[in-house]
Amino acid sequence: MKAQIKQHLLSGRSITIIEALREYGCHCLPSCIRELSQEGMLIERRDIERISSITGRPFRFARYSLTKQAPKLLEGNK
């Protein structure tokens, strides 16, 4: 599962907790993100706020992606 999340990020896509659960069955994305960060991946967290179409109240969620510097650093390791 962590390897799938890593490949998802390396492909240039970002991911949320709901996407990780739906696509990869990952129930704890922040834990996977922390482990990947400890392995050297440069991952940024962006907090997003939306208004619920059901309740009309605001809610927040995190979207994770590789930092803009990450592709350059990965190319340097080849």
N, C-alpha and C. Protein backbone atom coordinates (compact mmCIF):
# COMPACT_ATOMS: atom_id res chain seq x y z
N MET A 1 0.82 -1.19 0.00
CA MET A 1 0.00 0.00 0.00
C MET A 1 0.87 1.26 0.00
N LYS A 2 1.90 1.30 0.83
CA LYS A 2 2.80 2.45 0.87
C LYS A 2 3.49 2.61 -0.48
N ALA A 3 3.85 1.50 -1.10
CA ALA A 3 4.50 1.56 -2.41
C ALA A 3 3.56 2.14 -3.47
N GLN A 4 2.29 1.82 -3.37
CA GLN A 4 1.31 2.36 -4.31
C GLN A 4 1.15 3.87 -4.13
N ILE A 5 1.13 4.31 -2.89
CA ILE A 5 1.01 5.75 -2.60
C ILE A 5 2.27 6.45 -3.12
N LYS A 6 3.43 5.84 -2.91
CA LYS A 6 4.68 6.42 -3.39
C LYS A 6 4.65 6.58 -4.91
N GLN A 7 4.22 5.55 -5.63
CA GLN A 7 4.13 5.62 -7.08
C GLN A 7 3.13 6.67 -7.54
N HIS A 8 2.03 6.78 -6.81
CA HIS A 8 1.01 7.79 -7.10
C HIS A 8 1.64 9.18 -7.04
N LEU A 9 2.37 9.46 -5.98
CA LEU A 9 3.01 10.77 -5.81
C LEU A 9 4.11 10.99 -6.85
N LEU A 10 4.91 9.96 -7.11
CA LEU A 10 6.00 10.08 -8.08
C LEU A 10 5.47 10.32 -9.50
N SER A 11 4.23 9.92 -9.76
CA SER A 11 3.64 10.14 -11.08
C SER A 11 3.18 11.59 -11.26
N GLY A 12 3.34 12.40 -10.19
CA GLY A 12 3.00 13.81 -10.29
C GLY A 12 1.61 14.16 -9.79
N ARG A 13 0.91 13.17 -9.28
CA ARG A 13 -0.45 13.41 -8.78
C ARG A 13 -0.43 13.69 -7.29
N SER A 14 -1.44 14.40 -6.83
CA SER A 14 -1.62 14.61 -5.40
C SER A 14 -2.66 13.61 -4.90
N ILE A 15 -2.82 13.55 -3.56
CA ILE A 15 -3.74 12.56 -3.01
C ILE A 15 -4.35 13.07 -1.70
N THR A 16 -5.60 12.70 -1.47
CA THR A 16 -6.29 13.01 -0.21
C THR A 16 -6.56 11.69 0.51
N ILE A 17 -7.01 11.81 1.74
CA ILE A 17 -7.33 10.60 2.53
C ILE A 17 -8.41 9.78 1.84
N ILE A 18 -9.44 10.44 1.32
CA ILE A 18 -10.54 9.72 0.66
C ILE A 18 -10.05 9.01 -0.60
N GLU A 19 -9.21 9.68 -1.38
CA GLU A 19 -8.66 9.06 -2.59
C GLU A 19 -7.80 7.86 -2.24
N ALA A 20 -6.99 7.98 -1.19
CA ALA A 20 -6.14 6.86 -0.77
C ALA A 20 -6.98 5.67 -0.34
N LEU A 21 -8.07 5.94 0.35
CA LEU A 21 -8.96 4.86 0.79
C LEU A 21 -9.63 4.20 -0.40
N ARG A 22 -10.17 4.98 -1.31
CA ARG A 22 -10.88 4.44 -2.47
C ARG A 22 -9.97 3.69 -3.43
N GLU A 23 -8.81 4.30 -3.74
CA GLU A 23 -7.94 3.73 -4.77
C GLU A 23 -7.03 2.62 -4.26
N TYR A 24 -6.59 2.72 -2.99
CA TYR A 24 -5.58 1.78 -2.50
C TYR A 24 -5.96 1.08 -1.20
N GLY A 25 -7.12 1.39 -0.64
CA GLY A 25 -7.52 0.76 0.62
C GLY A 25 -6.70 1.22 1.81
N CYS A 26 -6.09 2.39 1.68
CA CYS A 26 -5.24 2.93 2.75
C CYS A 26 -6.11 3.66 3.77
N HIS A 27 -6.15 3.14 4.98
CA HIS A 27 -6.99 3.72 6.03
C HIS A 27 -6.27 4.81 6.81
N CYS A 28 -4.96 4.92 6.68
CA CYS A 28 -4.22 5.92 7.45
C CYS A 28 -3.15 6.58 6.57
N LEU A 29 -3.60 7.45 5.68
CA LEU A 29 -2.68 8.12 4.77
C LEU A 29 -1.62 8.94 5.50
N PRO A 30 -1.97 9.69 6.55
CA PRO A 30 -0.91 10.46 7.23
C PRO A 30 0.25 9.60 7.72
N SER A 31 -0.03 8.39 8.15
CA SER A 31 1.03 7.48 8.59
C SER A 31 1.93 7.09 7.41
N CYS A 32 1.32 6.78 6.28
CA CYS A 32 2.11 6.44 5.08
C CYS A 32 2.95 7.64 4.65
N ILE A 33 2.36 8.82 4.68
CA ILE A 33 3.07 10.04 4.29
C ILE A 33 4.27 10.27 5.22
N ARG A 34 4.06 10.07 6.51
CA ARG A 34 5.15 10.25 7.47
C ARG A 34 6.29 9.27 7.18
N GLU A 35 5.96 8.01 6.92
CA GLU A 35 6.99 7.02 6.62
C GLU A 35 7.74 7.38 5.33
N LEU A 36 7.01 7.81 4.31
CA LEU A 36 7.66 8.20 3.05
C LEU A 36 8.57 9.40 3.25
N SER A 37 8.13 10.34 4.08
CA SER A 37 8.96 11.51 4.39
C SER A 37 10.23 11.10 5.12
N GLN A 38 10.10 10.15 6.04
CA GLN A 38 11.28 9.67 6.79
C GLN A 38 12.25 8.93 5.87
N GLU A 39 11.73 8.40 4.76
CA GLU A 39 12.58 7.72 3.78
C GLU A 39 13.23 8.71 2.81
N GLY A 40 12.89 10.00 2.96
CA GLY A 40 13.55 11.01 2.15
C GLY A 40 12.70 11.70 1.10
N MET A 41 11.44 11.30 0.95
CA MET A 41 10.58 11.98 -0.02
C MET A 41 10.19 13.34 0.53
N LEU A 42 10.18 14.34 -0.33
CA LEU A 42 9.80 15.70 0.07
C LEU A 42 8.32 15.89 -0.27
N ILE A 43 7.48 15.77 0.74
CA ILE A 43 6.03 15.81 0.55
C ILE A 43 5.48 17.03 1.26
N GLU A 44 4.60 17.75 0.56
CA GLU A 44 3.96 18.90 1.18
C GLU A 44 2.49 18.61 1.43
N ARG A 45 1.97 19.28 2.45
CA ARG A 45 0.57 19.14 2.81
C ARG A 45 -0.11 20.48 2.56
N ARG A 46 -1.20 20.44 1.84
CA ARG A 46 -1.99 21.65 1.60
C ARG A 46 -3.36 21.43 2.24
N ASP A 47 -3.76 22.32 3.13
CA ASP A 47 -5.07 22.21 3.76
C ASP A 47 -6.10 22.91 2.88
N ILE A 48 -7.15 22.18 2.56
CA ILE A 48 -8.21 22.67 1.68
C ILE A 48 -9.48 22.84 2.50
N GLU A 49 -10.21 23.91 2.26
CA GLU A 49 -11.50 24.10 2.93
C GLU A 49 -12.59 24.21 1.88
N ARG A 50 -13.65 23.47 2.08
CA ARG A 50 -14.81 23.47 1.19
C ARG A 50 -16.08 23.62 2.02
N ILE A 51 -17.18 23.91 1.33
CA ILE A 51 -18.48 23.98 1.97
C ILE A 51 -19.23 22.70 1.60
N SER A 52 -19.76 22.02 2.60
CA SER A 52 -20.50 20.79 2.38
C SER A 52 -21.80 21.08 1.63
N SER A 53 -22.06 20.32 0.58
CA SER A 53 -23.30 20.49 -0.17
C SER A 53 -24.49 19.93 0.61
N ILE A 54 -24.22 19.13 1.62
CA ILE A 54 -25.29 18.54 2.41
C ILE A 54 -25.65 19.43 3.60
N THR A 55 -24.64 19.85 4.35
CA THR A 55 -24.92 20.63 5.57
C THR A 55 -24.75 22.13 5.39
N GLY A 56 -24.02 22.53 4.34
CA GLY A 56 -23.74 23.94 4.13
C GLY A 56 -22.65 24.48 5.04
N ARG A 57 -22.05 23.60 5.80
CA ARG A 57 -20.99 24.00 6.74
C ARG A 57 -19.62 23.74 6.13
N PRO A 58 -18.64 24.53 6.54
CA PRO A 58 -17.29 24.30 6.03
C PRO A 58 -16.65 23.04 6.63
N PHE A 59 -15.82 22.40 5.83
CA PHE A 59 -15.02 21.28 6.33
C PHE A 59 -13.63 21.38 5.71
N ARG A 60 -12.66 20.77 6.34
CA ARG A 60 -11.26 20.82 5.88
C ARG A 60 -10.73 19.42 5.64
N PHE A 61 -9.80 19.35 4.70
CA PHE A 61 -9.09 18.10 4.45
C PHE A 61 -7.72 18.44 3.90
N ALA A 62 -6.82 17.47 3.96
CA ALA A 62 -5.44 17.68 3.50
C ALA A 62 -5.25 17.03 2.13
N ARG A 63 -4.46 17.70 1.30
CA ARG A 63 -4.05 17.14 0.02
C ARG A 63 -2.53 17.10 0.02
N TYR A 64 -1.98 15.91 -0.21
CA TYR A 64 -0.53 15.70 -0.18
C TYR A 64 0.01 15.59 -1.60
N SER A 65 1.20 16.16 -1.81
CA SER A 65 1.87 16.06 -3.10
C SER A 65 3.37 16.20 -2.88
N LEU A 66 4.14 15.86 -3.89
CA LEU A 66 5.58 16.08 -3.82
C LEU A 66 5.83 17.57 -3.92
N THR A 67 6.84 18.05 -3.23
CA THR A 67 7.18 19.47 -3.34
C THR A 67 7.72 19.73 -4.74
N LYS A 68 7.75 20.98 -5.12
CA LYS A 68 8.23 21.36 -6.45
C LYS A 68 9.69 21.00 -6.64
N GLN A 69 10.47 20.95 -5.57
CA GLN A 69 11.89 20.63 -5.65
C GLN A 69 12.13 19.13 -5.81
N ALA A 70 11.16 18.31 -5.45
CA ALA A 70 11.36 16.87 -5.42
C ALA A 70 11.80 16.27 -6.74
N PRO A 71 11.18 16.60 -7.90
CA PRO A 71 11.64 15.98 -9.15
C PRO A 71 13.10 16.28 -9.45
N LYS A 72 13.57 17.49 -9.15
CA LYS A 72 14.97 17.83 -9.39
C LYS A 72 15.88 16.99 -8.50
N LEU A 73 15.47 16.79 -7.24
CA LEU A 73 16.28 16.00 -6.33
C LEU A 73 16.31 14.54 -6.76
N LEU A 74 15.18 14.03 -7.24
CA LEU A 74 15.13 12.64 -7.68
C LEU A 74 16.00 12.43 -8.92
N GLU A 75 16.00 13.41 -9.84
CA GLU A 75 16.82 13.30 -11.03
C GLU A 75 18.30 13.27 -10.67
N GLY A 76 18.68 14.00 -9.62
CA GLY A 76 20.07 14.05 -9.20
C GLY A 76 20.56 12.74 -8.64
N ASN A 77 19.64 11.88 -8.18
CA ASN A 77 20.02 10.59 -7.59
C ASN A 77 20.20 9.49 -8.64
N LYS A 78 19.92 9.80 -9.89
CA LYS A 78 20.01 8.76 -10.94
C LYS A 78 21.43 8.60 -11.40
